[in-house]
N, C-alpha and C. Protein backbone atom coordinates (compact mmCIF):
# COMPACT_ATOMS: atom_id res chain seq x y z
N MET A 1 -159.70 -70.66 -152.02
CA MET A 1 -159.50 -71.90 -151.31
C MET A 1 -158.35 -71.75 -150.35
N CYS A 2 -158.54 -72.26 -149.15
CA CYS A 2 -157.50 -72.19 -148.12
C CYS A 2 -156.77 -73.50 -148.09
N VAL A 3 -155.47 -73.39 -147.98
CA VAL A 3 -154.59 -74.57 -147.88
C VAL A 3 -153.93 -74.46 -146.53
N LEU A 4 -153.98 -75.54 -145.78
CA LEU A 4 -153.36 -75.53 -144.45
C LEU A 4 -151.91 -75.17 -144.55
N GLY A 5 -151.48 -74.25 -143.71
CA GLY A 5 -150.09 -73.83 -143.68
C GLY A 5 -149.73 -72.73 -144.64
N ALA A 6 -150.63 -72.44 -145.60
CA ALA A 6 -150.37 -71.37 -146.55
C ALA A 6 -150.77 -70.04 -145.97
N PRO A 7 -150.09 -68.96 -146.30
CA PRO A 7 -150.51 -67.66 -145.77
C PRO A 7 -151.84 -67.24 -146.37
N PRO A 8 -152.68 -66.54 -145.61
CA PRO A 8 -153.96 -66.12 -146.15
C PRO A 8 -153.78 -65.13 -147.31
N GLN A 9 -154.63 -65.23 -148.27
CA GLN A 9 -154.55 -64.32 -149.41
C GLN A 9 -155.54 -63.18 -149.16
N ALA A 10 -155.14 -61.99 -149.63
CA ALA A 10 -156.00 -60.83 -149.47
C ALA A 10 -157.25 -61.00 -150.35
N ARG A 11 -158.37 -60.61 -149.81
CA ARG A 11 -159.62 -60.73 -150.56
C ARG A 11 -160.04 -59.43 -151.23
N TYR A 12 -159.40 -58.34 -150.77
CA TYR A 12 -159.78 -57.04 -151.30
C TYR A 12 -158.56 -56.34 -151.86
N ASN A 13 -158.81 -55.50 -152.83
CA ASN A 13 -157.74 -54.71 -153.39
C ASN A 13 -157.73 -53.36 -152.68
N THR A 14 -157.33 -53.38 -151.43
CA THR A 14 -157.35 -52.16 -150.59
C THR A 14 -155.96 -51.94 -150.03
N ARG A 15 -155.54 -50.69 -150.09
CA ARG A 15 -154.29 -50.34 -149.50
C ARG A 15 -154.57 -49.78 -148.10
N PHE A 16 -153.81 -50.18 -147.13
CA PHE A 16 -153.91 -49.68 -145.81
C PHE A 16 -152.83 -48.63 -145.56
N ARG A 17 -153.25 -47.46 -145.18
CA ARG A 17 -152.29 -46.44 -144.91
C ARG A 17 -152.18 -46.27 -143.38
N PRO A 18 -150.97 -46.13 -142.88
CA PRO A 18 -150.83 -45.96 -141.44
C PRO A 18 -151.47 -44.65 -141.00
N MET A 19 -152.00 -44.64 -139.81
CA MET A 19 -152.62 -43.45 -139.27
C MET A 19 -151.53 -42.44 -138.95
N THR A 20 -151.69 -41.24 -139.43
CA THR A 20 -150.68 -40.22 -139.12
C THR A 20 -151.20 -39.25 -138.07
N GLN A 21 -152.47 -39.32 -137.78
CA GLN A 21 -153.04 -38.45 -136.78
C GLN A 21 -152.83 -39.04 -135.40
N THR A 22 -152.35 -38.23 -134.46
CA THR A 22 -152.14 -38.74 -133.12
C THR A 22 -153.46 -38.80 -132.37
N GLN A 23 -153.60 -39.80 -131.58
CA GLN A 23 -154.83 -40.01 -130.85
C GLN A 23 -154.72 -39.33 -129.47
N LYS A 24 -155.79 -38.64 -129.07
CA LYS A 24 -155.80 -37.96 -127.79
C LYS A 24 -155.90 -39.00 -126.67
N PRO A 25 -155.27 -38.70 -125.54
CA PRO A 25 -155.44 -39.62 -124.37
C PRO A 25 -156.93 -39.67 -123.99
N ARG A 26 -157.32 -40.80 -123.44
CA ARG A 26 -158.72 -41.04 -123.05
C ARG A 26 -159.24 -39.94 -122.12
N ARG A 27 -158.43 -39.54 -121.16
CA ARG A 27 -158.86 -38.50 -120.24
C ARG A 27 -159.19 -37.18 -120.97
N GLU A 28 -158.34 -36.84 -121.89
CA GLU A 28 -158.56 -35.61 -122.67
C GLU A 28 -159.86 -35.66 -123.46
N VAL A 29 -160.13 -36.81 -124.07
CA VAL A 29 -161.38 -36.96 -124.82
C VAL A 29 -162.58 -36.81 -123.88
N LEU A 30 -162.53 -37.47 -122.74
CA LEU A 30 -163.61 -37.42 -121.78
C LEU A 30 -163.78 -35.99 -121.23
N GLU A 31 -162.69 -35.28 -120.96
CA GLU A 31 -162.78 -33.92 -120.51
C GLU A 31 -163.50 -33.03 -121.55
N GLN A 32 -163.20 -33.33 -122.83
CA GLN A 32 -163.85 -32.55 -123.88
C GLN A 32 -165.36 -32.86 -123.90
N PHE A 33 -165.72 -34.13 -123.76
CA PHE A 33 -167.15 -34.49 -123.70
C PHE A 33 -167.84 -33.76 -122.56
N VAL A 34 -167.21 -33.79 -121.39
CA VAL A 34 -167.81 -33.14 -120.22
C VAL A 34 -167.91 -31.63 -120.38
N ALA A 35 -166.90 -31.04 -121.02
CA ALA A 35 -166.95 -29.59 -121.27
C ALA A 35 -168.13 -29.23 -122.19
N GLU A 36 -168.41 -30.11 -123.14
CA GLU A 36 -169.49 -29.85 -124.07
C GLU A 36 -170.85 -30.11 -123.45
N LYS A 37 -170.95 -31.12 -122.59
CA LYS A 37 -172.18 -31.48 -121.91
C LYS A 37 -171.90 -31.80 -120.45
N PRO A 38 -171.83 -30.76 -119.62
CA PRO A 38 -171.43 -30.97 -118.22
C PRO A 38 -172.40 -31.84 -117.38
N THR A 39 -173.62 -31.93 -117.78
CA THR A 39 -174.57 -32.77 -117.02
C THR A 39 -174.76 -34.17 -117.61
N ASP A 40 -174.00 -34.53 -118.63
CA ASP A 40 -174.07 -35.86 -119.23
C ASP A 40 -173.49 -36.84 -118.20
N ALA A 41 -174.34 -37.68 -117.64
CA ALA A 41 -173.93 -38.59 -116.58
C ALA A 41 -172.88 -39.61 -117.05
N PHE A 42 -173.07 -40.15 -118.22
CA PHE A 42 -172.15 -41.18 -118.68
C PHE A 42 -170.74 -40.63 -118.92
N ALA A 43 -170.64 -39.43 -119.52
CA ALA A 43 -169.34 -38.82 -119.75
C ALA A 43 -168.67 -38.46 -118.43
N ARG A 44 -169.41 -37.89 -117.51
CA ARG A 44 -168.84 -37.49 -116.20
C ARG A 44 -168.41 -38.73 -115.43
N TYR A 45 -169.20 -39.78 -115.46
CA TYR A 45 -168.86 -41.05 -114.80
C TYR A 45 -167.59 -41.60 -115.39
N GLY A 46 -167.49 -41.65 -116.71
CA GLY A 46 -166.31 -42.15 -117.36
C GLY A 46 -165.04 -41.35 -117.01
N LEU A 47 -165.20 -40.02 -116.93
CA LEU A 47 -164.09 -39.15 -116.57
C LEU A 47 -163.66 -39.44 -115.10
N ALA A 48 -164.60 -39.57 -114.21
CA ALA A 48 -164.26 -39.87 -112.84
C ALA A 48 -163.49 -41.19 -112.74
N LEU A 49 -163.95 -42.19 -113.46
CA LEU A 49 -163.26 -43.48 -113.41
C LEU A 49 -161.88 -43.40 -114.01
N GLU A 50 -161.74 -42.61 -115.09
CA GLU A 50 -160.45 -42.45 -115.72
C GLU A 50 -159.44 -41.75 -114.77
N CYS A 51 -159.93 -40.71 -114.11
CA CYS A 51 -159.08 -39.98 -113.14
C CYS A 51 -158.67 -40.93 -112.03
N MET A 52 -159.62 -41.76 -111.58
CA MET A 52 -159.35 -42.73 -110.51
C MET A 52 -158.26 -43.71 -111.00
N LYS A 53 -158.43 -44.19 -112.22
CA LYS A 53 -157.46 -45.14 -112.74
C LYS A 53 -156.07 -44.54 -112.87
N LEU A 54 -156.01 -43.25 -113.20
CA LEU A 54 -154.71 -42.57 -113.35
C LEU A 54 -154.11 -42.11 -112.02
N GLY A 55 -154.86 -42.32 -110.94
CA GLY A 55 -154.35 -41.96 -109.64
C GLY A 55 -154.58 -40.50 -109.27
N ASP A 56 -155.35 -39.79 -110.01
CA ASP A 56 -155.69 -38.41 -109.70
C ASP A 56 -156.95 -38.39 -108.82
N ASN A 57 -156.69 -38.67 -107.54
CA ASN A 57 -157.82 -38.87 -106.59
C ASN A 57 -158.64 -37.62 -106.40
N ASP A 58 -157.99 -36.46 -106.34
CA ASP A 58 -158.74 -35.21 -106.13
C ASP A 58 -159.71 -34.94 -107.29
N ALA A 59 -159.23 -35.14 -108.50
CA ALA A 59 -160.06 -34.93 -109.69
C ALA A 59 -161.18 -35.93 -109.73
N ALA A 60 -160.86 -37.21 -109.41
CA ALA A 60 -161.89 -38.27 -109.39
C ALA A 60 -162.98 -37.92 -108.38
N THR A 61 -162.57 -37.49 -107.19
CA THR A 61 -163.54 -37.11 -106.18
C THR A 61 -164.42 -35.96 -106.64
N ALA A 62 -163.81 -34.96 -107.24
CA ALA A 62 -164.59 -33.80 -107.73
C ALA A 62 -165.59 -34.21 -108.80
N HIS A 63 -165.18 -35.11 -109.70
CA HIS A 63 -166.07 -35.51 -110.79
C HIS A 63 -167.19 -36.41 -110.27
N PHE A 64 -166.89 -37.27 -109.32
CA PHE A 64 -167.97 -38.07 -108.72
C PHE A 64 -168.97 -37.17 -107.97
N GLN A 65 -168.47 -36.16 -107.28
CA GLN A 65 -169.38 -35.25 -106.59
C GLN A 65 -170.28 -34.51 -107.57
N LYS A 66 -169.71 -34.01 -108.66
CA LYS A 66 -170.48 -33.30 -109.64
C LYS A 66 -171.49 -34.22 -110.32
N LEU A 67 -171.04 -35.47 -110.55
CA LEU A 67 -171.93 -36.44 -111.16
C LEU A 67 -173.18 -36.65 -110.32
N LEU A 68 -173.02 -36.88 -109.04
CA LEU A 68 -174.15 -37.16 -108.17
C LEU A 68 -174.96 -35.93 -107.84
N GLU A 69 -174.35 -34.74 -107.89
CA GLU A 69 -175.12 -33.51 -107.73
C GLU A 69 -176.07 -33.31 -108.92
N ALA A 70 -175.55 -33.51 -110.12
CA ALA A 70 -176.34 -33.30 -111.31
C ALA A 70 -177.26 -34.48 -111.65
N ASN A 71 -176.88 -35.68 -111.22
CA ASN A 71 -177.63 -36.90 -111.53
C ASN A 71 -177.77 -37.76 -110.29
N PRO A 72 -178.59 -37.35 -109.34
CA PRO A 72 -178.67 -38.09 -108.06
C PRO A 72 -179.24 -39.47 -108.18
N LYS A 73 -179.76 -39.84 -109.30
CA LYS A 73 -180.31 -41.19 -109.48
C LYS A 73 -179.35 -42.13 -110.27
N TYR A 74 -178.13 -41.65 -110.51
CA TYR A 74 -177.16 -42.45 -111.26
C TYR A 74 -176.52 -43.49 -110.33
N VAL A 75 -177.13 -44.63 -110.28
CA VAL A 75 -176.81 -45.67 -109.30
C VAL A 75 -175.33 -46.09 -109.30
N ALA A 76 -174.76 -46.30 -110.44
CA ALA A 76 -173.37 -46.76 -110.53
C ALA A 76 -172.39 -45.79 -109.92
N GLY A 77 -172.76 -44.51 -109.93
CA GLY A 77 -171.89 -43.48 -109.34
C GLY A 77 -171.71 -43.68 -107.86
N TYR A 78 -172.75 -44.09 -107.16
CA TYR A 78 -172.69 -44.29 -105.73
C TYR A 78 -171.73 -45.43 -105.38
N PHE A 79 -171.84 -46.50 -106.13
CA PHE A 79 -170.99 -47.69 -105.82
C PHE A 79 -169.51 -47.34 -106.06
N GLN A 80 -169.22 -46.79 -107.24
CA GLN A 80 -167.82 -46.50 -107.58
C GLN A 80 -167.23 -45.41 -106.69
N PHE A 81 -168.02 -44.38 -106.40
CA PHE A 81 -167.54 -43.32 -105.52
C PHE A 81 -167.32 -43.87 -104.13
N GLY A 82 -168.18 -44.71 -103.64
CA GLY A 82 -168.01 -45.33 -102.34
C GLY A 82 -166.74 -46.19 -102.31
N GLN A 83 -166.49 -46.93 -103.36
CA GLN A 83 -165.26 -47.74 -103.43
C GLN A 83 -164.05 -46.83 -103.43
N HIS A 84 -164.11 -45.72 -104.20
CA HIS A 84 -163.03 -44.78 -104.30
C HIS A 84 -162.71 -44.19 -102.92
N LEU A 85 -163.74 -43.71 -102.23
CA LEU A 85 -163.54 -43.12 -100.89
C LEU A 85 -162.96 -44.14 -99.93
N SER A 86 -163.43 -45.35 -100.02
CA SER A 86 -162.93 -46.42 -99.16
C SER A 86 -161.43 -46.65 -99.36
N ARG A 87 -161.01 -46.72 -100.64
CA ARG A 87 -159.60 -46.92 -100.96
C ARG A 87 -158.75 -45.75 -100.45
N MET A 88 -159.34 -44.57 -100.39
CA MET A 88 -158.60 -43.40 -99.91
C MET A 88 -158.63 -43.28 -98.40
N GLY A 89 -159.25 -44.23 -97.72
CA GLY A 89 -159.28 -44.24 -96.27
C GLY A 89 -160.38 -43.37 -95.66
N GLN A 90 -161.30 -42.92 -96.49
CA GLN A 90 -162.40 -42.09 -96.02
C GLN A 90 -163.61 -42.99 -95.78
N THR A 91 -163.50 -43.82 -94.76
CA THR A 91 -164.46 -44.87 -94.48
C THR A 91 -165.83 -44.32 -94.14
N GLU A 92 -165.91 -43.33 -93.32
CA GLU A 92 -167.22 -42.79 -92.89
C GLU A 92 -167.97 -42.20 -94.08
N GLN A 93 -167.28 -41.44 -94.94
CA GLN A 93 -167.91 -40.90 -96.11
C GLN A 93 -168.33 -42.02 -97.09
N ALA A 94 -167.53 -43.05 -97.18
CA ALA A 94 -167.85 -44.20 -98.05
C ALA A 94 -169.13 -44.89 -97.52
N ARG A 95 -169.21 -45.06 -96.21
CA ARG A 95 -170.42 -45.72 -95.63
C ARG A 95 -171.67 -44.91 -95.94
N LYS A 96 -171.58 -43.62 -95.76
CA LYS A 96 -172.73 -42.71 -96.01
C LYS A 96 -173.14 -42.78 -97.47
N LEU A 97 -172.15 -42.71 -98.36
CA LEU A 97 -172.44 -42.76 -99.77
C LEU A 97 -173.07 -44.09 -100.22
N LEU A 98 -172.52 -45.17 -99.73
CA LEU A 98 -173.07 -46.51 -100.05
C LEU A 98 -174.50 -46.66 -99.48
N SER A 99 -174.71 -46.14 -98.28
CA SER A 99 -176.06 -46.21 -97.70
C SER A 99 -177.06 -45.42 -98.56
N ASP A 100 -176.66 -44.24 -99.02
CA ASP A 100 -177.51 -43.43 -99.90
C ASP A 100 -177.74 -44.20 -101.22
N GLY A 101 -176.67 -44.81 -101.74
CA GLY A 101 -176.75 -45.52 -102.99
C GLY A 101 -177.68 -46.71 -102.91
N ILE A 102 -177.70 -47.37 -101.77
CA ILE A 102 -178.61 -48.53 -101.57
C ILE A 102 -180.06 -48.09 -101.73
N LEU A 103 -180.39 -46.94 -101.15
CA LEU A 103 -181.74 -46.42 -101.28
C LEU A 103 -182.08 -46.03 -102.71
N VAL A 104 -181.12 -45.40 -103.37
CA VAL A 104 -181.36 -44.96 -104.77
C VAL A 104 -181.54 -46.21 -105.65
N ALA A 105 -180.70 -47.23 -105.45
CA ALA A 105 -180.82 -48.47 -106.24
C ALA A 105 -182.13 -49.15 -105.95
N GLN A 106 -182.54 -49.20 -104.70
CA GLN A 106 -183.79 -49.82 -104.32
C GLN A 106 -184.96 -49.11 -105.01
N ASN A 107 -184.94 -47.79 -104.98
CA ASN A 107 -186.02 -47.00 -105.60
C ASN A 107 -186.03 -47.17 -107.14
N ALA A 108 -184.84 -47.42 -107.71
CA ALA A 108 -184.75 -47.59 -109.14
C ALA A 108 -185.07 -49.02 -109.59
N GLY A 109 -185.22 -49.91 -108.59
CA GLY A 109 -185.46 -51.32 -108.89
C GLY A 109 -184.22 -52.08 -109.33
N ASP A 110 -183.06 -51.53 -109.02
CA ASP A 110 -181.80 -52.17 -109.40
C ASP A 110 -181.28 -53.00 -108.22
N MET A 111 -181.79 -54.18 -108.11
CA MET A 111 -181.48 -55.03 -106.94
C MET A 111 -180.04 -55.54 -106.99
N HIS A 112 -179.49 -55.75 -108.18
CA HIS A 112 -178.09 -56.17 -108.28
C HIS A 112 -177.17 -55.11 -107.72
N ALA A 113 -177.37 -53.86 -108.11
CA ALA A 113 -176.52 -52.76 -107.59
C ALA A 113 -176.74 -52.61 -106.09
N ARG A 114 -178.00 -52.72 -105.65
CA ARG A 114 -178.32 -52.64 -104.21
C ARG A 114 -177.51 -53.68 -103.44
N ASP A 115 -177.56 -54.96 -103.93
CA ASP A 115 -176.87 -56.03 -103.28
C ASP A 115 -175.35 -55.85 -103.22
N GLU A 116 -174.78 -55.31 -104.34
CA GLU A 116 -173.34 -55.03 -104.40
C GLU A 116 -172.97 -53.99 -103.36
N MET A 117 -173.80 -52.91 -103.28
CA MET A 117 -173.49 -51.86 -102.33
C MET A 117 -173.69 -52.34 -100.89
N GLN A 118 -174.67 -53.19 -100.64
CA GLN A 118 -174.85 -53.74 -99.31
C GLN A 118 -173.62 -54.59 -98.92
N ALA A 119 -173.12 -55.37 -99.85
CA ALA A 119 -171.93 -56.19 -99.58
C ALA A 119 -170.71 -55.30 -99.29
N ALA A 120 -170.56 -54.24 -100.09
CA ALA A 120 -169.43 -53.32 -99.88
C ALA A 120 -169.58 -52.63 -98.54
N LEU A 121 -170.77 -52.22 -98.20
CA LEU A 121 -171.02 -51.56 -96.92
C LEU A 121 -170.72 -52.51 -95.74
N ALA A 122 -171.08 -53.78 -95.86
CA ALA A 122 -170.85 -54.75 -94.82
C ALA A 122 -169.31 -54.92 -94.57
N LEU A 123 -168.52 -54.82 -95.63
CA LEU A 123 -167.09 -54.94 -95.48
C LEU A 123 -166.48 -53.71 -94.76
N LEU A 124 -167.19 -52.60 -94.79
CA LEU A 124 -166.66 -51.40 -94.13
C LEU A 124 -167.09 -51.26 -92.69
N ARG A 125 -167.90 -52.21 -92.18
CA ARG A 125 -168.33 -52.17 -90.76
C ARG A 125 -167.43 -52.89 -89.88
């Protein structure tokens, strides 16, 4: 029974031990995934985004390029890579990538992604 204002009582007879194992940084975990399965689109995409988040633009660019080389139908890669290139001031490359991505999204039937890339492309004109 709960009483308002009273501290909650434990329901289980379980002891919690603090974790003593150190956790690897997210980038390191993603790099390991990619090393094990270099053509895994989701792992490569995640690694590219993580590199981008950490400000490692060269690594992010390289991972986005490898992603789209190995998985040319990975629609989200076009949008994020286009955004990344745009932020780096590489407007022409961003336009080309977004234009390619619009066609890939259209062919995949992903109208939401197509519309997002069209809007991003319009902002770069």
